[in-house]
Amino acid sequence: MKRPAALAATALALAAAVALPASAATPKLIGTVGPDFKITLTQGGKPVKSVKAGSYLLVVSDKSSIHNFVFEKAKGGTFEKEVTAVPFMGTKTLKVRLTAGTYEFYCRPHEKTMKGTFTVR
């Protein structure tokens, strides 16, 4: 008699897990650097101009051994993270908590030409 009740409880828990909204997942920011002299940050395939404050997965694809990807809060904070380093090539993922302010992403060796900014509101 206890088995059917346990099976029913398991089925109910699985149904609840499947029914969770997709918005419960941590949103992703996708960074790319290289293989040429280009650096980008996108969300949903579009360049990031502004995002809401909160937690994000930052996924960076480094396609060149002469570049790196640095992510920092330009104003109003001290957050700075070198996500990939020269000569690393590959993908790295980290969770970041963004607070209101202006952020920059850039390639340190080529910062004058390889950089971008966005705001967090």
C-alpha atoms as a PDB file:
ATOM      1  CA  MET A   1       0.000   0.000   0.000  1.00  0.00           C
ATOM      2  CA  LYS A   2       2.822   2.408   0.716  1.00  0.00           C
ATOM      3  CA  ARG A   3       4.404   1.890  -2.717  1.00  0.00           C
ATOM      4  CA  PRO A   4       1.557   3.457  -4.744  1.00  0.00           C
ATOM      5  CA  ALA A   5       1.581   6.498  -2.465  1.00  0.00           C
ATOM      6  CA  ALA A   6       5.360   6.861  -2.872  1.00  0.00           C
ATOM      7  CA  LEU A   7       5.055   6.506  -6.650  1.00  0.00           C
ATOM      8  CA  ALA A   8       2.284   9.101  -6.743  1.00  0.00           C
ATOM      9  CA  ALA A   9       4.393  11.531  -4.674  1.00  0.00           C
ATOM     10  CA  THR A  10       7.378  11.003  -6.986  1.00  0.00           C
ATOM     11  CA  ALA A  11       5.216  11.551 -10.080  1.00  0.00           C
ATOM     12  CA  LEU A  12       3.782  14.731  -8.556  1.00  0.00           C
ATOM     13  CA  ALA A  13       7.283  16.056  -7.740  1.00  0.00           C
ATOM     14  CA  LEU A  14       8.488  15.333 -11.291  1.00  0.00           C
ATOM     15  CA  ALA A  15       5.432  17.050 -12.792  1.00  0.00           C
ATOM     16  CA  ALA A  16       6.079  20.122 -10.635  1.00  0.00           C
ATOM     17  CA  ALA A  17       9.738  20.227 -11.695  1.00  0.00           C
ATOM     18  CA  VAL A  18       8.814  20.018 -15.381  1.00  0.00           C
ATOM     19  CA  ALA A  19       6.212  22.753 -14.970  1.00  0.00           C
ATOM     20  CA  LEU A  20       8.704  25.312 -13.649  1.00  0.00           C
ATOM     21  CA  PRO A  21       8.880  28.380 -15.901  1.00  0.00           C
ATOM     22  CA  ALA A  22      11.940  28.814 -18.103  1.00  0.00           C
ATOM     23  CA  SER A  23      12.559  32.199 -16.448  1.00  0.00           C
ATOM     24  CA  ALA A  24      13.761  30.367 -13.332  1.00  0.00           C
ATOM     25  CA  ALA A  25      17.064  29.671 -15.134  1.00  0.00           C
ATOM     26  CA  THR A  26      19.977  32.069 -14.690  1.00  0.00           C
ATOM     27  CA  PRO A  27      20.183  34.311 -17.783  1.00  0.00           C
ATOM     28  CA  LYS A  28      23.319  34.053 -19.950  1.00  0.00           C
ATOM     29  CA  LEU A  29      25.615  36.707 -21.322  1.00  0.00           C
ATOM     30  CA  ILE A  30      27.763  35.399 -24.187  1.00  0.00           C
ATOM     31  CA  GLY A  31      31.204  36.946 -24.670  1.00  0.00           C
ATOM     32  CA  THR A  32      33.399  36.273 -27.700  1.00  0.00           C
ATOM     33  CA  VAL A  33      36.929  37.455 -28.383  1.00  0.00           C
ATOM     34  CA  GLY A  34      38.815  36.760 -31.615  1.00  0.00           C
ATOM     35  CA  PRO A  35      39.815  35.144 -33.847  1.00  0.00           C
ATOM     36  CA  ASP A  36      40.272  38.552 -35.473  1.00  0.00           C
ATOM     37  CA  PHE A  37      40.404  41.865 -33.602  1.00  0.00           C
ATOM     38  CA  LYS A  38      36.775  41.776 -32.447  1.00  0.00           C
ATOM     39  CA  ILE A  39      35.192  41.446 -29.009  1.00  0.00           C
ATOM     40  CA  THR A  40      31.448  41.120 -28.344  1.00  0.00           C
ATOM     41  CA  LEU A  41      28.961  40.583 -25.543  1.00  0.00           C
ATOM     42  CA  THR A  42      25.491  39.354 -26.484  1.00  0.00           C
ATOM     43  CA  GLN A  43      22.304  38.123 -24.886  1.00  0.00           C
ATOM     44  CA  GLY A  44      19.824  36.161 -26.953  1.00  0.00           C
ATOM     45  CA  GLY A  45      21.932  36.858 -30.057  1.00  0.00           C
ATOM     46  CA  LYS A  46      21.745  40.655 -29.670  1.00  0.00           C
ATOM     47  CA  PRO A  47      24.505  43.030 -28.511  1.00  0.00           C
ATOM     48  CA  VAL A  48      24.168  43.898 -24.831  1.00  0.00           C
ATOM     49  CA  LYS A  49      23.408  47.588 -24.270  1.00  0.00           C
ATOM     50  CA  SER A  50      21.593  47.371 -20.927  1.00  0.00           C
ATOM     51  CA  VAL A  51      20.521  44.595 -18.534  1.00  0.00           C
ATOM     52  CA  LYS A  52      18.721  44.391 -15.212  1.00  0.00           C
ATOM     53  CA  ALA A  53      20.748  44.001 -12.021  1.00  0.00           C
ATOM     54  CA  GLY A  54      21.053  40.398 -10.875  1.00  0.00           C
ATOM     55  CA  SER A  55      22.940  37.151 -11.367  1.00  0.00           C
ATOM     56  CA  TYR A  56      24.085  35.989 -14.797  1.00  0.00           C
ATOM     57  CA  LEU A  57      26.129  33.204 -16.305  1.00  0.00           C
ATOM     58  CA  LEU A  58      28.949  34.757 -18.294  1.00  0.00           C
ATOM     59  CA  VAL A  59      30.084  32.350 -21.022  1.00  0.00           C
ATOM     60  CA  VAL A  60      33.208  33.505 -22.849  1.00  0.00           C
ATOM     61  CA  SER A  61      34.560  31.918 -26.017  1.00  0.00           C
ATOM     62  CA  ASP A  62      38.190  32.930 -26.573  1.00  0.00           C
ATOM     63  CA  LYS A  63      39.127  32.148 -30.180  1.00  0.00           C
ATOM     64  CA  SER A  64      42.680  33.523 -30.275  1.00  0.00           C
ATOM     65  CA  SER A  65      45.881  33.024 -28.301  1.00  0.00           C
ATOM     66  CA  ILE A  66      46.763  36.727 -28.615  1.00  0.00           C
ATOM     67  CA  HIS A  67      43.609  38.026 -26.891  1.00  0.00           C
ATOM     68  CA  ASN A  68      41.993  37.864 -23.473  1.00  0.00           C
ATOM     69  CA  PHE A  69      38.567  38.821 -22.113  1.00  0.00           C
ATOM     70  CA  VAL A  70      38.370  41.185 -19.145  1.00  0.00           C
ATOM     71  CA  PHE A  71      35.049  42.121 -17.544  1.00  0.00           C
ATOM     72  CA  GLU A  72      34.780  44.984 -15.054  1.00  0.00           C
ATOM     73  CA  LYS A  73      32.563  47.550 -13.434  1.00  0.00           C
ATOM     74  CA  ALA A  74      33.863  50.824 -14.839  1.00  0.00           C
ATOM     75  CA  LYS A  75      32.095  53.184 -12.472  1.00  0.00           C
ATOM     76  CA  GLY A  76      30.677  52.785  -9.006  1.00  0.00           C
ATOM     77  CA  GLY A  77      32.552  49.672  -7.934  1.00  0.00           C
ATOM     78  CA  THR A  78      35.707  47.629  -7.862  1.00  0.00           C
ATOM     79  CA  PHE A  79      34.625  44.461  -9.702  1.00  0.00           C
ATOM     80  CA  GLU A  80      37.227  43.305 -12.258  1.00  0.00           C
ATOM     81  CA  LYS A  81      37.649  39.790 -13.617  1.00  0.00           C
ATOM     82  CA  GLU A  82      40.080  38.490 -16.232  1.00  0.00           C
ATOM     83  CA  VAL A  83      37.872  35.713 -17.581  1.00  0.00           C
ATOM     84  CA  THR A  84      40.429  34.397 -20.092  1.00  0.00           C
ATOM     85  CA  ALA A  85      44.155  35.075 -20.292  1.00  0.00           C
ATOM     86  CA  VAL A  86      46.687  35.206 -23.117  1.00  0.00           C
ATOM     87  CA  PRO A  87      47.409  32.547 -24.572  1.00  0.00           C
ATOM     88  CA  PHE A  88      44.273  30.621 -23.455  1.00  0.00           C
ATOM     89  CA  MET A  89      41.868  29.488 -26.181  1.00  0.00           C
ATOM     90  CA  GLY A  90      38.565  27.841 -25.328  1.00  0.00           C
ATOM     91  CA  THR A  91      35.424  28.499 -23.329  1.00  0.00           C
ATOM     92  CA  LYS A  92      35.062  29.578 -19.707  1.00  0.00           C
ATOM     93  CA  THR A  93      31.857  30.044 -17.730  1.00  0.00           C
ATOM     94  CA  LEU A  94      31.371  31.914 -14.482  1.00  0.00           C
ATOM     95  CA  LYS A  95      28.496  33.286 -12.468  1.00  0.00           C
ATOM     96  CA  VAL A  96      28.534  37.049 -11.951  1.00  0.00           C
ATOM     97  CA  ARG A  97      26.313  39.290  -9.857  1.00  0.00           C
ATOM     98  CA  LEU A  98      25.798  42.631 -11.559  1.00  0.00           C
ATOM     99  CA  THR A  99      24.766  45.733  -9.632  1.00  0.00           C
ATOM    100  CA  ALA A 100      23.638  49.051 -11.082  1.00  0.00           C
ATOM    101  CA  GLY A 101      26.348  50.929 -12.961  1.00  0.00           C
ATOM    102  CA  THR A 102      28.471  50.966 -16.097  1.00  0.00           C
ATOM    103  CA  TYR A 103      30.442  47.883 -17.115  1.00  0.00           C
ATOM    104  CA  GLU A 104      33.229  47.335 -19.628  1.00  0.00           C
ATOM    105  CA  PHE A 105      34.559  44.287 -21.419  1.00  0.00           C
ATOM    106  CA  TYR A 106      37.822  44.416 -23.332  1.00  0.00           C
ATOM    107  CA  CYS A 107      40.989  42.680 -24.492  1.00  0.00           C
ATOM    108  CA  ARG A 108      43.765  44.062 -22.277  1.00  0.00           C
ATOM    109  CA  PRO A 109      46.568  43.838 -24.923  1.00  0.00           C
ATOM    110  CA  HIS A 110      44.357  45.628 -27.488  1.00  0.00           C
ATOM    111  CA  GLU A 111      42.126  47.709 -25.219  1.00  0.00           C
ATOM    112  CA  LYS A 112      42.248  50.835 -27.382  1.00  0.00           C
ATOM    113  CA  THR A 113      40.363  49.099 -30.199  1.00  0.00           C
ATOM    114  CA  MET A 114      38.800  45.983 -28.636  1.00  0.00           C
ATOM    115  CA  LYS A 115      36.282  47.127 -26.017  1.00  0.00           C
ATOM    116  CA  GLY A 116      32.637  47.587 -25.271  1.00  0.00           C
ATOM    117  CA  THR A 117      30.392  48.996 -22.540  1.00  0.00           C
ATOM    118  CA  PHE A 118      26.900  48.455 -21.219  1.00  0.00           C
ATOM    119  CA  THR A 119      24.780  49.581 -18.286  1.00  0.00           C
ATOM    120  CA  VAL A 120      23.118  47.663 -15.508  1.00  0.00           C
ATOM    121  CA  ARG A 121      19.934  49.194 -14.163  1.00  0.00           C
END
